[in-house]
Amino acid sequence: MNSVHIATVLLLVSTRALGVSAETHELTVDQAKVLQAARSLALDYIRGLPDFICTQVTHRDVSGVNSASGGVTGIDASPPPSTTASLSSVTEERITFFDRTENYEVISIDGHKVARARHLENEGAISAGEFGTAMRDIFDPESHTVFNWEKMGKLHGRQAYVFAFYVPAERGALVTHRNPDQQIVVPYAGRIFVDSITNDVMRITSRLDLPPRFPIQMAERMVDYKQTTIAGKNYYLPSHSEVRMNDGSNLYVNSIDFKDYHKFVVESTIHYDSSPQH
C-alpha cells in the first residue's frame, strides 16, 4: 500500500489525488487492449527497475483555509485575514532503491544539514510509494479496480490515453489521524495517463473518498513519470509529484521533484591480513 502522511497532525497511508470526471464511458475493445498492456507493464514495473539512488527535493507550504468552502474546487489556498501567514520549508532527501524497496535519508532542511532525521518525522505532508506502489495498487486484479474511458489527451508533448479509475474500500487506502489517533480504510478514485506509443503510465492522479466527519477533509495526489536513463537503459521513473491535503484549518501543499538518478552499486572492501603466518 502507498504512503502519504501529514506528520504532527495527520497520518495518511495512500497515494491518492484528483477526482474523476462524470464524463466517462465503457471501454471499447481497442481501449481494453491498451489498458491490459498498461496493466502488464505496471505490474512488472518494480521487478524491472534497477537498484538506483536519486535526490528528492520537497517544497512544503502550509496555509490557512476557508473552512466555509468545501470540496476540491472550494479550496482557498490563500489564508483568510484571521489566519496566520503561510509557512514554507524545503527538505532534501537521498532515496536509495535497493532490492525493490525505497529507503529515505534526510540530508538537509532549509539548506541546513541534519543528522538522524527520519522521512516520516518531517513536518507537514509526507509522501512515499511513488516508485511503483501506486501503480501496483491500482492495477492489481485483487484491488477490483473499475476502469472507464475518459478521453485522449496530451502530456509532456506526447499523446496519452486517459482512463478514470475507482478502487473500492475493501482494497482502499488506510488513513490514520493523529491527535487523537483514528484509523479508517477508504475508497479512492482518479485518472491514469497512458503513453499512446509505449503504453507506459505517464501520470497518476487520485483522490481519497473521505467521510464527512473525518478530520482530514481532502487529500489529493499527482505523480508524473518520465523516461529516465540509468546505466545506459531507459526507465519511466517519477519526475514530479504534488500532494494537497486539507484538515479544515490548514491547506498542506507539497511540490516534490526527483532528480540525479544514477545506478546504486554496493561497495565492498576486502581486507587482507599482512601479518606473517605461523
C-alpha atoms as a PDB file:
ATOM      1  CA  MET A   1       0.000   0.000   0.000  1.00  0.00           C
ATOM      2  CA  ASN A   2       1.251   3.500  -0.868  1.00  0.00           C
ATOM      3  CA  SER A   3       2.032   6.118   1.731  1.00  0.00           C
ATOM      4  CA  VAL A   4       1.149   9.763   2.127  1.00  0.00           C
ATOM      5  CA  HIS A   5       1.429  11.323   5.556  1.00  0.00           C
ATOM      6  CA  ILE A   6       0.828  14.576   7.350  1.00  0.00           C
ATOM      7  CA  ALA A   7       3.277  14.478  10.222  1.00  0.00           C
ATOM      8  CA  THR A   8       2.489  16.038  13.598  1.00  0.00           C
ATOM      9  CA  VAL A   9      -1.219  16.480  12.810  1.00  0.00           C
ATOM     10  CA  LEU A  10      -2.281  13.862  10.283  1.00  0.00           C
ATOM     11  CA  LEU A  11      -1.018  10.491   9.155  1.00  0.00           C
ATOM     12  CA  LEU A  12      -2.347   9.054   5.936  1.00  0.00           C
ATOM     13  CA  VAL A  13      -1.304   5.888   4.104  1.00  0.00           C
ATOM     14  CA  SER A  14      -2.146   6.034   0.397  1.00  0.00           C
ATOM     15  CA  THR A  15      -1.299   7.617  -2.996  1.00  0.00           C
ATOM     16  CA  ARG A  16      -4.450   9.424  -3.966  1.00  0.00           C
ATOM     17  CA  ALA A  17      -5.231  12.578  -5.982  1.00  0.00           C
ATOM     18  CA  LEU A  18      -7.555  14.423  -8.336  1.00  0.00           C
ATOM     19  CA  GLY A  19     -11.149  13.276  -8.768  1.00  0.00           C
ATOM     20  CA  VAL A  20     -12.890  11.540 -11.654  1.00  0.00           C
ATOM     21  CA  SER A  21     -14.892  13.335 -14.320  1.00  0.00           C
ATOM     22  CA  ALA A  22     -18.538  12.404 -14.725  1.00  0.00           C
ATOM     23  CA  GLU A  23     -17.883  12.147 -18.474  1.00  0.00           C
ATOM     24  CA  THR A  24     -16.619   8.570 -18.510  1.00  0.00           C
ATOM     25  CA  HIS A  25     -17.546   5.763 -20.897  1.00  0.00           C
ATOM     26  CA  GLU A  26     -17.358   1.998 -21.152  1.00  0.00           C
ATOM     27  CA  LEU A  27     -14.201   0.658 -22.797  1.00  0.00           C
ATOM     28  CA  THR A  28     -14.129  -0.346 -26.443  1.00  0.00           C
ATOM     29  CA  VAL A  29     -12.181  -3.438 -27.486  1.00  0.00           C
ATOM     30  CA  ASP A  30      -9.164  -1.319 -28.515  1.00  0.00           C
ATOM     31  CA  GLN A  31      -9.239   0.695 -25.292  1.00  0.00           C
ATOM     32  CA  ALA A  32      -9.416  -2.510 -23.262  1.00  0.00           C
ATOM     33  CA  LYS A  33      -6.311  -3.785 -25.089  1.00  0.00           C
ATOM     34  CA  VAL A  34      -4.427  -0.579 -24.238  1.00  0.00           C
ATOM     35  CA  LEU A  35      -5.471  -0.890 -20.603  1.00  0.00           C
ATOM     36  CA  GLN A  36      -4.359  -4.520 -20.464  1.00  0.00           C
ATOM     37  CA  ALA A  37      -0.965  -3.623 -21.956  1.00  0.00           C
ATOM     38  CA  ALA A  38      -0.584  -0.813 -19.389  1.00  0.00           C
ATOM     39  CA  ARG A  39      -1.572  -3.232 -16.605  1.00  0.00           C
ATOM     40  CA  SER A  40       1.077  -5.757 -17.658  1.00  0.00           C
ATOM     41  CA  LEU A  41       3.794  -3.095 -17.734  1.00  0.00           C
ATOM     42  CA  ALA A  42       2.669  -1.635 -14.402  1.00  0.00           C
ATOM     43  CA  LEU A  43       2.620  -4.977 -12.577  1.00  0.00           C
ATOM     44  CA  ASP A  44       6.126  -5.730 -13.890  1.00  0.00           C
ATOM     45  CA  TYR A  45       7.296  -2.200 -13.133  1.00  0.00           C
ATOM     46  CA  ILE A  46       9.077  -2.731  -9.806  1.00  0.00           C
ATOM     47  CA  ARG A  47      10.632  -6.021 -10.904  1.00  0.00           C
ATOM     48  CA  GLY A  48      12.139  -4.272 -13.921  1.00  0.00           C
ATOM     49  CA  LEU A  49      13.719  -1.382 -12.053  1.00  0.00           C
ATOM     50  CA  PRO A  50      17.459  -1.425 -11.330  1.00  0.00           C
ATOM     51  CA  ASP A  51      18.920  -0.551  -7.945  1.00  0.00           C
ATOM     52  CA  PHE A  52      19.420   3.218  -8.017  1.00  0.00           C
ATOM     53  CA  ILE A  53      19.938   6.384  -5.998  1.00  0.00           C
ATOM     54  CA  CYS A  54      18.207   9.711  -6.590  1.00  0.00           C
ATOM     55  CA  THR A  55      17.557  13.022  -4.848  1.00  0.00           C
ATOM     56  CA  GLN A  56      14.106  14.111  -3.682  1.00  0.00           C
ATOM     57  CA  VAL A  57      13.530  17.825  -3.067  1.00  0.00           C
ATOM     58  CA  THR A  58      10.247  18.686  -1.340  1.00  0.00           C
ATOM     59  CA  HIS A  59       8.873  22.237  -1.119  1.00  0.00           C
ATOM     60  CA  ARG A  60       6.266  22.275   1.655  1.00  0.00           C
ATOM     61  CA  ASP A  61       3.716  25.021   2.163  1.00  0.00           C
ATOM     62  CA  VAL A  62       1.114  25.261   4.921  1.00  0.00           C
ATOM     63  CA  SER A  63      -1.532  27.982   4.821  1.00  0.00           C
ATOM     64  CA  GLY A  64      -4.901  28.697   6.396  1.00  0.00           C
ATOM     65  CA  VAL A  65      -8.052  27.709   4.512  1.00  0.00           C
ATOM     66  CA  ASN A  66     -11.581  28.992   4.479  1.00  0.00           C
ATOM     67  CA  SER A  67     -13.459  26.243   6.288  1.00  0.00           C
ATOM     68  CA  ALA A  68     -16.733  27.516   4.792  1.00  0.00           C
ATOM     69  CA  SER A  69     -15.584  26.385   1.358  1.00  0.00           C
ATOM     70  CA  GLY A  70     -15.682  22.672   0.650  1.00  0.00           C
ATOM     71  CA  GLY A  71     -14.553  20.193  -1.936  1.00  0.00           C
ATOM     72  CA  VAL A  72     -11.689  20.437  -4.341  1.00  0.00           C
ATOM     73  CA  THR A  73     -12.968  23.469  -6.230  1.00  0.00           C
ATOM     74  CA  GLY A  74     -13.704  25.296  -2.977  1.00  0.00           C
ATOM     75  CA  ILE A  75     -10.188  25.135  -1.546  1.00  0.00           C
ATOM     76  CA  ASP A  76      -8.790  28.567  -0.805  1.00  0.00           C
ATOM     77  CA  ALA A  77      -5.007  28.377  -0.928  1.00  0.00           C
ATOM     78  CA  SER A  78      -4.745  31.940   0.372  1.00  0.00           C
ATOM     79  CA  PRO A  79      -5.047  32.331   4.145  1.00  0.00           C
ATOM     80  CA  PRO A  80      -8.108  34.348   5.242  1.00  0.00           C
ATOM     81  CA  PRO A  81      -7.450  37.587   7.178  1.00  0.00           C
ATOM     82  CA  SER A  82      -7.895  35.897  10.555  1.00  0.00           C
ATOM     83  CA  THR A  83      -5.248  33.211   9.923  1.00  0.00           C
ATOM     84  CA  THR A  84      -1.504  33.344  10.318  1.00  0.00           C
ATOM     85  CA  ALA A  85       0.874  33.696   7.364  1.00  0.00           C
ATOM     86  CA  SER A  86       1.867  30.718   5.265  1.00  0.00           C
ATOM     87  CA  LEU A  87       4.734  28.532   6.425  1.00  0.00           C
ATOM     88  CA  SER A  88       7.221  27.100   3.931  1.00  0.00           C
ATOM     89  CA  SER A  89      10.175  24.742   4.069  1.00  0.00           C
ATOM     90  CA  VAL A  90      12.438  22.795   1.721  1.00  0.00           C
ATOM     91  CA  THR A  91      13.654  19.277   2.511  1.00  0.00           C
ATOM     92  CA  GLU A  92      16.296  17.409   0.524  1.00  0.00           C
ATOM     93  CA  GLU A  93      16.489  13.634   0.838  1.00  0.00           C
ATOM     94  CA  ARG A  94      18.507  10.844  -0.716  1.00  0.00           C
ATOM     95  CA  ILE A  95      16.400   7.917  -1.904  1.00  0.00           C
ATOM     96  CA  THR A  96      18.033   4.526  -2.290  1.00  0.00           C
ATOM     97  CA  PHE A  97      16.002   1.991  -4.257  1.00  0.00           C
ATOM     98  CA  PHE A  98      17.563  -1.369  -3.425  1.00  0.00           C
ATOM     99  CA  ASP A  99      16.086  -4.867  -3.636  1.00  0.00           C
ATOM    100  CA  ARG A 100      12.740  -3.352  -4.780  1.00  0.00           C
ATOM    101  CA  THR A 101      12.445  -1.249  -1.639  1.00  0.00           C
ATOM    102  CA  GLU A 102      12.849   2.505  -1.293  1.00  0.00           C
ATOM    103  CA  ASN A 103      14.723   3.975   1.684  1.00  0.00           C
ATOM    104  CA  TYR A 104      14.890   7.653   2.593  1.00  0.00           C
ATOM    105  CA  GLU A 105      17.726   9.618   4.175  1.00  0.00           C
ATOM    106  CA  VAL A 106      17.057  13.244   5.108  1.00  0.00           C
ATOM    107  CA  ILE A 107      20.071  15.313   4.030  1.00  0.00           C
ATOM    108  CA  SER A 108      19.021  18.900   4.765  1.00  0.00           C
ATOM    109  CA  ILE A 109      16.094  21.068   5.809  1.00  0.00           C
ATOM    110  CA  ASP A 110      16.013  24.659   4.569  1.00  0.00           C
ATOM    111  CA  GLY A 111      19.611  24.311   3.451  1.00  0.00           C
ATOM    112  CA  HIS A 112      20.898  23.143   6.842  1.00  0.00           C
ATOM    113  CA  LYS A 113      22.358  19.657   7.076  1.00  0.00           C
ATOM    114  CA  VAL A 114      20.634  17.365   9.538  1.00  0.00           C
ATOM    115  CA  ALA A 115      21.562  14.057  11.137  1.00  0.00           C
ATOM    116  CA  ARG A 116      19.294  11.185  12.107  1.00  0.00           C
ATOM    117  CA  ALA A 117      16.136  12.890  10.842  1.00  0.00           C
ATOM    118  CA  ARG A 118      13.570  10.389   9.541  1.00  0.00           C
ATOM    119  CA  HIS A 119      11.411  10.723   6.445  1.00  0.00           C
ATOM    120  CA  LEU A 120       8.118  10.120   8.244  1.00  0.00           C
ATOM    121  CA  GLU A 121       9.021  12.575  11.004  1.00  0.00           C
ATOM    122  CA  ASN A 122       9.224  15.570   8.653  1.00  0.00           C
ATOM    123  CA  GLU A 123       6.819  18.420   9.266  1.00  0.00           C
ATOM    124  CA  GLY A 124       3.784  18.865   7.023  1.00  0.00           C
ATOM    125  CA  ALA A 125       2.535  16.429   4.387  1.00  0.00           C
ATOM    126  CA  ILE A 126       4.810  13.490   3.625  1.00  0.00           C
ATOM    127  CA  SER A 127       4.576  11.045   0.734  1.00  0.00           C
ATOM    128  CA  ALA A 128       6.141   7.732  -0.240  1.00  0.00           C
ATOM    129  CA  GLY A 129       5.463   4.922  -2.682  1.00  0.00           C
ATOM    130  CA  GLU A 130       5.946   6.832  -5.936  1.00  0.00           C
ATOM    131  CA  PHE A 131       8.321   4.172  -7.253  1.00  0.00           C
ATOM    132  CA  GLY A 132       5.717   1.598  -8.235  1.00  0.00           C
ATOM    133  CA  THR A 133       3.391   1.026  -5.296  1.00  0.00           C
ATOM    134  CA  ALA A 134       0.833   3.452  -6.682  1.00  0.00           C
ATOM    135  CA  MET A 135       0.636   1.584  -9.980  1.00  0.00           C
ATOM    136  CA  ARG A 136       0.613  -1.840  -8.365  1.00  0.00           C
ATOM    137  CA  ASP A 137      -2.237  -0.935  -6.017  1.00  0.00           C
ATOM    138  CA  ILE A 138      -4.364   0.344  -8.882  1.00  0.00           C
ATOM    139  CA  PHE A 139      -3.678  -2.409 -11.416  1.00  0.00           C
ATOM    140  CA  ASP A 140      -3.574  -5.404  -9.073  1.00  0.00           C
ATOM    141  CA  PRO A 141      -6.553  -7.614 -10.072  1.00  0.00           C
ATOM    142  CA  GLU A 142      -7.250  -8.219  -6.369  1.00  0.00           C
ATOM    143  CA  SER A 143      -7.944  -4.497  -5.953  1.00  0.00           C
ATOM    144  CA  HIS A 144     -11.100  -4.896  -8.081  1.00  0.00           C
ATOM    145  CA  THR A 145     -10.417  -1.514  -9.648  1.00  0.00           C
ATOM    146  CA  VAL A 146     -13.100  -0.262 -12.027  1.00  0.00           C
ATOM    147  CA  PHE A 147     -11.750   1.462 -15.154  1.00  0.00           C
ATOM    148  CA  ASN A 148     -13.619   3.697 -17.588  1.00  0.00           C
ATOM    149  CA  TRP A 149     -12.560   5.530 -20.710  1.00  0.00           C
ATOM    150  CA  GLU A 150     -12.336   9.308 -20.376  1.00  0.00           C
ATOM    151  CA  LYS A 151     -10.550  10.888 -23.346  1.00  0.00           C
ATOM    152  CA  MET A 152      -7.436  11.276 -25.481  1.00  0.00           C
ATOM    153  CA  GLY A 153      -5.066  13.863 -24.046  1.00  0.00           C
ATOM    154  CA  LYS A 154      -1.570  15.239 -24.279  1.00  0.00           C
ATOM    155  CA  LEU A 155       1.119  15.139 -21.590  1.00  0.00           C
ATOM    156  CA  HIS A 156       4.765  16.191 -21.851  1.00  0.00           C
ATOM    157  CA  GLY A 157       4.187  16.703 -25.574  1.00  0.00           C
ATOM    158  CA  ARG A 158       3.029  13.098 -26.097  1.00  0.00           C
ATOM    159  CA  GLN A 159      -0.392  11.687 -26.911  1.00  0.00           C
ATOM    160  CA  ALA A 160      -1.943   9.862 -23.975  1.00  0.00           C
ATOM    161  CA  TYR A 161      -4.942   7.644 -23.302  1.00  0.00           C
ATOM    162  CA  VAL A 162      -6.749   8.888 -20.193  1.00  0.00           C
ATOM    163  CA  PHE A 163      -8.657   6.352 -18.095  1.00  0.00           C
ATOM    164  CA  ALA A 164     -10.703   7.042 -14.965  1.00  0.00           C
ATOM    165  CA  PHE A 165     -10.469   4.508 -12.151  1.00  0.00           C
ATOM    166  CA  TYR A 166     -12.125   3.705  -8.843  1.00  0.00           C
ATOM    167  CA  VAL A 167     -10.722   1.446  -6.094  1.00  0.00           C
ATOM    168  CA  PRO A 168     -13.367   0.216  -3.609  1.00  0.00           C
ATOM    169  CA  ALA A 169     -12.967   0.456   0.150  1.00  0.00           C
ATOM    170  CA  GLU A 170     -12.154  -3.229   0.650  1.00  0.00           C
ATOM    171  CA  ARG A 171      -8.848  -2.585  -1.163  1.00  0.00           C
ATOM    172  CA  GLY A 172      -8.708   1.111  -0.382  1.00  0.00           C
ATOM    173  CA  ALA A 173      -6.375   3.449   1.460  1.00  0.00           C
ATOM    174  CA  LEU A 174      -5.537   3.164   5.137  1.00  0.00           C
ATOM    175  CA  VAL A 175      -5.866   6.595   6.753  1.00  0.00           C
ATOM    176  CA  THR A 176      -4.674   7.430  10.252  1.00  0.00           C
ATOM    177  CA  HIS A 177      -5.199  10.739  12.053  1.00  0.00           C
ATOM    178  CA  ARG A 178      -3.051  11.828  14.983  1.00  0.00           C
ATOM    179  CA  ASN A 179      -4.346  13.765  17.989  1.00  0.00           C
ATOM    180  CA  PRO A 180      -6.349  11.713  18.721  1.00  0.00           C
ATOM    181  CA  ASP A 181      -5.408   8.525  16.909  1.00  0.00           C
ATOM    182  CA  GLN A 182      -8.080   7.436  14.433  1.00  0.00           C
ATOM    183  CA  GLN A 183      -7.810   4.923  11.606  1.00  0.00           C
ATOM    184  CA  ILE A 184     -10.105   4.103   8.690  1.00  0.00           C
ATOM    185  CA  VAL A 185      -9.919   2.476   5.246  1.00  0.00           C
ATOM    186  CA  VAL A 186     -11.464   4.499   2.414  1.00  0.00           C
ATOM    187  CA  PRO A 187     -12.016   4.096  -1.337  1.00  0.00           C
ATOM    188  CA  TYR A 188     -10.216   6.344  -3.799  1.00  0.00           C
ATOM    189  CA  ALA A 189     -10.563   7.410  -7.413  1.00  0.00           C
ATOM    190  CA  GLY A 190      -8.560   9.217 -10.061  1.00  0.00           C
ATOM    191  CA  ARG A 191      -7.061   9.053 -13.530  1.00  0.00           C
ATOM    192  CA  ILE A 192      -4.162   7.346 -15.259  1.00  0.00           C
ATOM    193  CA  PHE A 193      -2.460   8.766 -18.353  1.00  0.00           C
ATOM    194  CA  VAL A 194      -1.028   6.066 -20.639  1.00  0.00           C
ATOM    195  CA  ASP A 195       1.535   6.795 -23.369  1.00  0.00           C
ATOM    196  CA  SER A 196      -0.185   6.074 -26.698  1.00  0.00           C
ATOM    197  CA  ILE A 197       3.013   4.571 -28.180  1.00  0.00           C
ATOM    198  CA  THR A 198       4.721   2.691 -25.343  1.00  0.00           C
ATOM    199  CA  ASN A 199       1.675   2.001 -23.075  1.00  0.00           C
ATOM    200  CA  ASP A 200       3.704   3.195 -20.084  1.00  0.00           C
ATOM    201  CA  VAL A 201       1.920   5.086 -17.310  1.00  0.00           C
ATOM    202  CA  MET A 202       2.909   8.755 -17.560  1.00  0.00           C
ATOM    203  CA  ARG A 203       0.787  10.207 -14.755  1.00  0.00           C
ATOM    204  CA  ILE A 204      -1.418   9.047 -11.898  1.00  0.00           C
ATOM    205  CA  THR A 205      -3.844  11.395 -10.170  1.00  0.00           C
ATOM    206  CA  SER A 206      -6.068  10.260  -7.331  1.00  0.00           C
ATOM    207  CA  ARG A 207      -8.315  11.465  -4.537  1.00  0.00           C
ATOM    208  CA  LEU A 208      -9.382   9.873  -1.269  1.00  0.00           C
ATOM    209  CA  ASP A 209     -13.112   9.445  -0.664  1.00  0.00           C
ATOM    210  CA  LEU A 210     -13.098  10.606   2.956  1.00  0.00           C
ATOM    211  CA  PRO A 211     -16.162  10.512   5.251  1.00  0.00           C
ATOM    212  CA  PRO A 212     -17.668  13.919   6.158  1.00  0.00           C
ATOM    213  CA  ARG A 213     -16.730  13.909   9.858  1.00  0.00           C
ATOM    214  CA  PHE A 214     -13.175  12.633   9.473  1.00  0.00           C
ATOM    215  CA  PRO A 215     -10.535  15.244  10.475  1.00  0.00           C
ATOM    216  CA  ILE A 216      -8.882  15.108   7.051  1.00  0.00           C
ATOM    217  CA  GLN A 217     -11.358  16.745   4.699  1.00  0.00           C
ATOM    218  CA  MET A 218      -9.463  16.447   1.423  1.00  0.00           C
ATOM    219  CA  ALA A 219      -6.413  14.514   0.183  1.00  0.00           C
ATOM    220  CA  GLU A 220      -5.181  14.571  -3.412  1.00  0.00           C
ATOM    221  CA  ARG A 221      -2.050  13.410  -5.160  1.00  0.00           C
ATOM    222  CA  MET A 222      -0.447  13.588  -8.587  1.00  0.00           C
ATOM    223  CA  VAL A 223       2.678  11.724  -9.723  1.00  0.00           C
ATOM    224  CA  ASP A 224       4.357  12.354 -13.093  1.00  0.00           C
ATOM    225  CA  TYR A 225       6.610   9.686 -14.609  1.00  0.00           C
ATOM    226  CA  LYS A 226       9.179  10.458 -17.304  1.00  0.00           C
ATOM    227  CA  GLN A 227      11.681   8.392 -19.235  1.00  0.00           C
ATOM    228  CA  THR A 228      14.995   8.437 -17.363  1.00  0.00           C
ATOM    229  CA  THR A 229      18.322   6.850 -18.285  1.00  0.00           C
ATOM    230  CA  ILE A 230      20.192   4.779 -15.697  1.00  0.00           C
ATOM    231  CA  ALA A 231      23.361   2.923 -16.680  1.00  0.00           C
ATOM    232  CA  GLY A 232      22.519   3.268 -20.364  1.00  0.00           C
ATOM    233  CA  LYS A 233      18.936   1.947 -20.118  1.00  0.00           C
ATOM    234  CA  ASN A 234      15.654   3.898 -20.170  1.00  0.00           C
ATOM    235  CA  TYR A 235      13.016   3.590 -17.447  1.00  0.00           C
ATOM    236  CA  TYR A 236       9.840   5.506 -16.624  1.00  0.00           C
ATOM    237  CA  LEU A 237      10.524   6.994 -13.185  1.00  0.00           C
ATOM    238  CA  PRO A 238       8.910   9.680 -11.025  1.00  0.00           C
ATOM    239  CA  SER A 239       9.956  13.189 -12.033  1.00  0.00           C
ATOM    240  CA  HIS A 240       7.464  15.351 -10.138  1.00  0.00           C
ATOM    241  CA  SER A 241       4.709  14.897  -7.592  1.00  0.00           C
ATOM    242  CA  GLU A 242       2.204  17.143  -5.858  1.00  0.00           C
ATOM    243  CA  VAL A 243       0.287  16.400  -2.673  1.00  0.00           C
ATOM    244  CA  ARG A 244      -2.581  18.529  -1.346  1.00  0.00           C
ATOM    245  CA  MET A 245      -4.338  17.928   1.973  1.00  0.00           C
ATOM    246  CA  ASN A 246      -6.885  19.938   3.917  1.00  0.00           C
ATOM    247  CA  ASP A 247      -7.722  19.386   7.596  1.00  0.00           C
ATOM    248  CA  GLY A 248     -10.283  22.187   7.764  1.00  0.00           C
ATOM    249  CA  SER A 249      -7.825  24.623   9.330  1.00  0.00           C
ATOM    250  CA  ASN A 250      -4.819  24.338   7.051  1.00  0.00           C
ATOM    251  CA  LEU A 251      -4.063  23.507   3.453  1.00  0.00           C
ATOM    252  CA  TYR A 252      -0.865  21.424   3.090  1.00  0.00           C
ATOM    253  CA  VAL A 253       0.779  21.543  -0.340  1.00  0.00           C
ATOM    254  CA  ASN A 254       3.896  19.566  -1.267  1.00  0.00           C
ATOM    255  CA  SER A 255       5.708  20.109  -4.557  1.00  0.00           C
ATOM    256  CA  ILE A 256       8.228  17.278  -5.000  1.00  0.00           C
ATOM    257  CA  ASP A 257      10.983  16.910  -7.605  1.00  0.00           C
ATOM    258  CA  PHE A 258      13.012  13.751  -8.207  1.00  0.00           C
ATOM    259  CA  LYS A 259      16.410  14.207  -9.867  1.00  0.00           C
ATOM    260  CA  ASP A 260      20.021  12.994 -10.161  1.00  0.00           C
ATOM    261  CA  TYR A 261      19.153   9.361 -10.855  1.00  0.00           C
ATOM    262  CA  HIS A 262      22.133   7.022 -11.045  1.00  0.00           C
ATOM    263  CA  LYS A 263      22.812   3.344 -10.531  1.00  0.00           C
ATOM    264  CA  PHE A 264      23.302   2.124  -6.981  1.00  0.00           C
ATOM    265  CA  VAL A 265      26.397  -0.037  -6.545  1.00  0.00           C
ATOM    266  CA  VAL A 266      27.142  -1.839  -3.297  1.00  0.00           C
ATOM    267  CA  GLU A 267      30.772  -1.146  -2.450  1.00  0.00           C
ATOM    268  CA  SER A 268      32.725  -3.788  -0.609  1.00  0.00           C
ATOM    269  CA  THR A 269      36.275  -3.762   0.721  1.00  0.00           C
ATOM    270  CA  ILE A 270      38.372  -6.884   1.242  1.00  0.00           C
ATOM    271  CA  HIS A 271      40.957  -6.614   3.998  1.00  0.00           C
ATOM    272  CA  TYR A 272      43.962  -8.904   3.823  1.00  0.00           C
ATOM    273  CA  ASP A 273      45.943  -9.853   6.895  1.00  0.00           C
ATOM    274  CA  SER A 274      49.567  -8.961   6.119  1.00  0.00           C
ATOM    275  CA  SER A 275      50.968 -10.411   9.322  1.00  0.00           C
ATOM    276  CA  PRO A 276      53.308 -13.406   8.894  1.00  0.00           C
ATOM    277  CA  GLN A 277      51.725 -16.822   9.094  1.00  0.00           C
ATOM    278  CA  HIS A 278      52.931 -19.264  11.747  1.00  0.00           C
END
